[in-house]
Amino acid sequence: MNITTSKRLSLVVPGFVLLSLGLALYGYEEKVAPPRSSRNIPEKEPHLSPKLGASVEVWVDDYIAKQDPPVYISARKQHALVWRCRKCEFRIVKVEPDPKYDNPQSVKEKFHDGPFYRKFPDNEWPESEYFKAISAGPVHPFAASKKPERHYQFKATIRVKGLPKDIDPHIMTLQGLNPD
């Protein structure tokens, strides 16, 4: 063994000893994530919304089963939307401001292809491609009203492989789902 190798070992060995001692004293504990609900719908306690940058999962299966509640996402909390389906394949045809809702003209012009950074339709994929999950990405901060009591409403058009009719869930964008 030469002098250079023994110096390296004299630095590495104490590092492993300290690491082992730290694990022994504080223990190793695996964190288990709490289960997520299938979608984020504020009820009586909207402070239970996902944390900053969290993904809000929306199950297409629920909309196929005729359960059609709106999806609420927060621009301030930078929520991302992830569409999933357990038993089907689908594609998002478009996401647009809901024509039946009183969105401001600026929202209709600026977000004509959805409130997300990712735009729909996504022309990167051929129309024959269907998926089990699609991430819509985070909501754009200006795609939500600055007034806390107001939201903007968008409509997604989702084509499910094998279904004769498209489904159209509604997306409500807010600045925050709780008064923080």
Protein backbone atom coordinates (compact mmCIF):
# COMPACT_ATOMS: atom_id res chain seq x y z
CA MET A 1 0.00 0.00 0.00
CA ASN A 2 1.41 3.38 -0.88
CA ILE A 3 0.95 6.66 1.02
CA THR A 4 -1.76 8.05 -1.35
CA THR A 5 -4.03 5.02 -0.89
CA SER A 6 -3.73 5.07 2.90
CA LYS A 7 -4.67 8.79 2.97
CA ARG A 8 -7.78 8.10 0.89
CA LEU A 9 -8.75 5.21 3.16
CA SER A 10 -8.21 7.35 6.23
CA LEU A 11 -10.87 9.76 4.88
CA VAL A 12 -13.37 7.18 3.59
CA VAL A 13 -13.49 4.87 6.60
CA PRO A 14 -14.49 7.58 9.13
CA GLY A 15 -17.20 8.73 6.70
CA PHE A 16 -18.77 5.27 6.65
CA VAL A 17 -18.49 5.00 10.42
CA LEU A 18 -20.31 8.34 10.88
CA LEU A 19 -23.01 7.34 8.41
CA SER A 20 -23.54 3.98 10.15
CA LEU A 21 -23.64 5.66 13.56
CA GLY A 22 -26.20 8.22 12.32
CA LEU A 23 -28.49 5.52 10.93
CA ALA A 24 -28.18 3.50 14.14
CA LEU A 25 -28.99 6.49 16.37
CA TYR A 26 -31.82 7.99 14.36
CA GLY A 27 -33.03 4.83 12.68
CA TYR A 28 -34.10 4.38 9.12
CA GLU A 29 -37.76 5.09 8.53
CA GLU A 30 -39.46 4.73 5.18
CA LYS A 31 -42.07 7.41 4.50
CA VAL A 32 -45.33 6.11 3.07
CA ALA A 33 -47.33 8.60 1.03
CA PRO A 34 -50.97 9.01 2.05
CA PRO A 35 -53.50 7.78 -0.51
CA ARG A 36 -54.82 10.41 -2.92
CA SER A 37 -58.45 10.86 -3.75
CA SER A 38 -59.45 10.25 -7.35
CA ARG A 39 -59.95 13.99 -7.92
CA ASN A 40 -59.63 17.23 -6.07
CA ILE A 41 -63.11 18.59 -5.34
CA PRO A 42 -63.40 21.17 -2.59
CA GLU A 43 -66.31 20.43 -0.30
CA LYS A 44 -66.79 21.92 3.15
CA GLU A 45 -63.06 21.92 3.88
CA PRO A 46 -61.19 23.23 0.84
CA HIS A 47 -57.99 23.57 2.91
CA LEU A 48 -57.38 19.88 2.23
CA SER A 49 -56.17 20.67 -1.30
CA PRO A 50 -52.91 19.20 -2.60
CA LYS A 51 -49.64 20.92 -1.78
CA LEU A 52 -47.64 23.20 -4.06
CA GLY A 53 -46.87 21.55 -7.38
CA ALA A 54 -48.96 18.47 -6.61
CA SER A 55 -50.62 16.41 -9.32
CA VAL A 56 -54.38 16.21 -9.21
CA GLU A 57 -55.50 12.85 -10.58
CA VAL A 58 -58.70 12.68 -12.58
CA TRP A 59 -60.10 9.27 -13.44
CA VAL A 60 -61.72 9.06 -16.87
CA ASP A 61 -63.54 5.93 -15.61
CA ASP A 62 -65.67 8.16 -13.35
CA TYR A 63 -66.84 10.25 -16.30
CA ILE A 64 -67.62 7.13 -18.33
CA ALA A 65 -69.78 6.00 -15.38
CA LYS A 66 -71.72 9.30 -15.69
CA GLN A 67 -70.18 10.84 -12.56
CA ASP A 68 -69.46 14.33 -13.85
CA PRO A 69 -68.23 16.59 -11.04
CA PRO A 70 -65.99 19.52 -12.01
CA VAL A 71 -62.27 19.35 -11.32
CA TYR A 72 -60.84 22.23 -9.26
CA ILE A 73 -57.19 23.18 -9.69
CA SER A 74 -55.18 26.02 -8.18
CA ALA A 75 -52.96 28.32 -10.21
CA ARG A 76 -51.24 29.67 -7.09
CA LYS A 77 -50.38 26.16 -5.95
CA GLN A 78 -49.22 25.23 -9.48
CA HIS A 79 -51.38 22.13 -9.64
CA ALA A 80 -50.83 19.77 -12.53
CA LEU A 81 -53.61 17.61 -13.90
CA VAL A 82 -53.06 13.92 -14.66
CA TRP A 83 -55.82 12.14 -16.53
CA ARG A 84 -55.93 8.36 -15.96
CA CYS A 85 -58.12 5.42 -16.92
CA ARG A 86 -58.08 1.96 -15.36
CA LYS A 87 -60.05 0.08 -18.03
CA CYS A 88 -59.76 2.15 -21.18
CA GLU A 89 -57.50 4.11 -23.48
CA PHE A 90 -58.27 7.71 -24.35
CA ARG A 91 -56.94 10.89 -25.87
CA ILE A 92 -57.60 14.53 -25.09
CA VAL A 93 -59.05 16.10 -28.21
CA LYS A 94 -59.07 19.66 -26.86
CA VAL A 95 -59.28 21.81 -23.75
CA GLU A 96 -60.90 25.20 -24.21
CA PRO A 97 -62.73 27.91 -22.26
CA ASP A 98 -66.28 26.70 -21.66
CA PRO A 99 -68.48 28.53 -24.19
CA LYS A 100 -71.51 28.26 -21.84
CA TYR A 101 -69.68 29.99 -18.97
CA ASP A 102 -69.06 33.71 -18.57
CA ASN A 103 -65.26 33.73 -18.89
CA PRO A 104 -63.67 37.12 -19.66
CA GLN A 105 -62.77 37.79 -23.31
CA SER A 106 -59.04 37.86 -22.43
CA VAL A 107 -59.28 34.27 -21.16
CA LYS A 108 -61.07 33.16 -24.33
CA GLU A 109 -58.34 34.73 -26.47
CA LYS A 110 -55.20 33.82 -24.52
CA PHE A 111 -56.21 30.32 -23.35
CA HIS A 112 -58.20 29.09 -26.36
CA ASP A 113 -56.24 25.82 -26.18
CA GLY A 114 -56.47 25.27 -22.43
CA PRO A 115 -55.27 26.69 -19.10
CA PHE A 116 -52.12 24.55 -18.97
CA TYR A 117 -48.59 25.14 -20.18
CA ARG A 118 -49.12 22.08 -22.37
CA LYS A 119 -51.57 22.96 -25.13
CA PHE A 120 -54.36 20.78 -26.46
CA PRO A 121 -54.80 19.45 -29.02
CA ASP A 122 -51.28 18.09 -28.82
CA ASN A 123 -50.29 17.72 -32.47
CA GLU A 124 -47.16 15.75 -31.54
CA TRP A 125 -49.12 12.47 -31.47
CA PRO A 126 -51.12 11.01 -34.36
CA GLU A 127 -54.90 10.87 -33.92
CA SER A 128 -54.79 7.08 -33.90
CA GLU A 129 -52.78 7.02 -30.62
CA TYR A 130 -54.65 6.42 -27.34
CA PHE A 131 -53.23 6.40 -23.82
CA LYS A 132 -53.90 5.09 -20.28
CA ALA A 133 -52.59 8.33 -18.71
CA ILE A 134 -51.95 11.88 -19.92
CA SER A 135 -50.35 14.69 -17.97
CA ALA A 136 -51.77 18.11 -18.73
CA GLY A 137 -48.99 19.78 -16.76
CA PRO A 138 -49.31 22.71 -14.39
CA VAL A 139 -51.98 25.36 -14.82
CA HIS A 140 -50.79 28.72 -16.13
CA PRO A 141 -50.94 31.39 -13.36
CA PHE A 142 -52.93 33.81 -15.55
CA ALA A 143 -55.53 31.13 -16.37
CA ALA A 144 -57.25 31.81 -13.04
CA SER A 145 -59.09 34.86 -11.78
CA LYS A 146 -57.26 37.15 -9.37
CA LYS A 147 -60.50 37.46 -7.38
CA PRO A 148 -60.62 34.65 -4.80
CA GLU A 149 -64.40 34.21 -5.08
CA ARG A 150 -64.31 33.76 -8.87
CA HIS A 151 -63.07 30.94 -11.06
CA TYR A 152 -62.64 30.42 -14.79
CA GLN A 153 -64.24 27.40 -16.37
CA PHE A 154 -62.73 25.22 -19.08
CA LYS A 155 -64.12 22.19 -20.87
CA ALA A 156 -62.04 19.19 -21.88
CA THR A 157 -63.13 16.98 -24.75
CA ILE A 158 -61.92 13.42 -24.23
CA ARG A 159 -62.28 10.65 -26.79
CA VAL A 160 -62.36 7.17 -25.28
CA LYS A 161 -61.44 4.26 -27.53
CA GLY A 162 -64.57 2.21 -28.20
CA LEU A 163 -67.11 4.79 -26.96
CA PRO A 164 -69.43 6.34 -29.55
CA LYS A 165 -69.58 9.73 -27.80
CA ASP A 166 -66.88 12.01 -26.37
CA ILE A 167 -66.95 12.97 -22.69
CA ASP A 168 -66.53 16.56 -21.56
CA PRO A 169 -65.39 17.13 -17.96
CA HIS A 170 -65.25 20.69 -16.65
CA ILE A 171 -62.12 22.22 -15.13
CA MET A 172 -62.38 25.15 -12.72
CA THR A 173 -59.22 27.22 -12.27
CA LEU A 174 -58.81 29.25 -9.11
CA GLN A 175 -55.95 31.22 -7.58
CA GLY A 176 -56.06 29.16 -4.40
CA LEU A 177 -58.30 26.55 -2.87
CA ASN A 178 -57.70 27.89 0.60
CA PRO A 179 -57.19 31.35 2.12
CA ASP A 180 -53.37 31.34 2.31
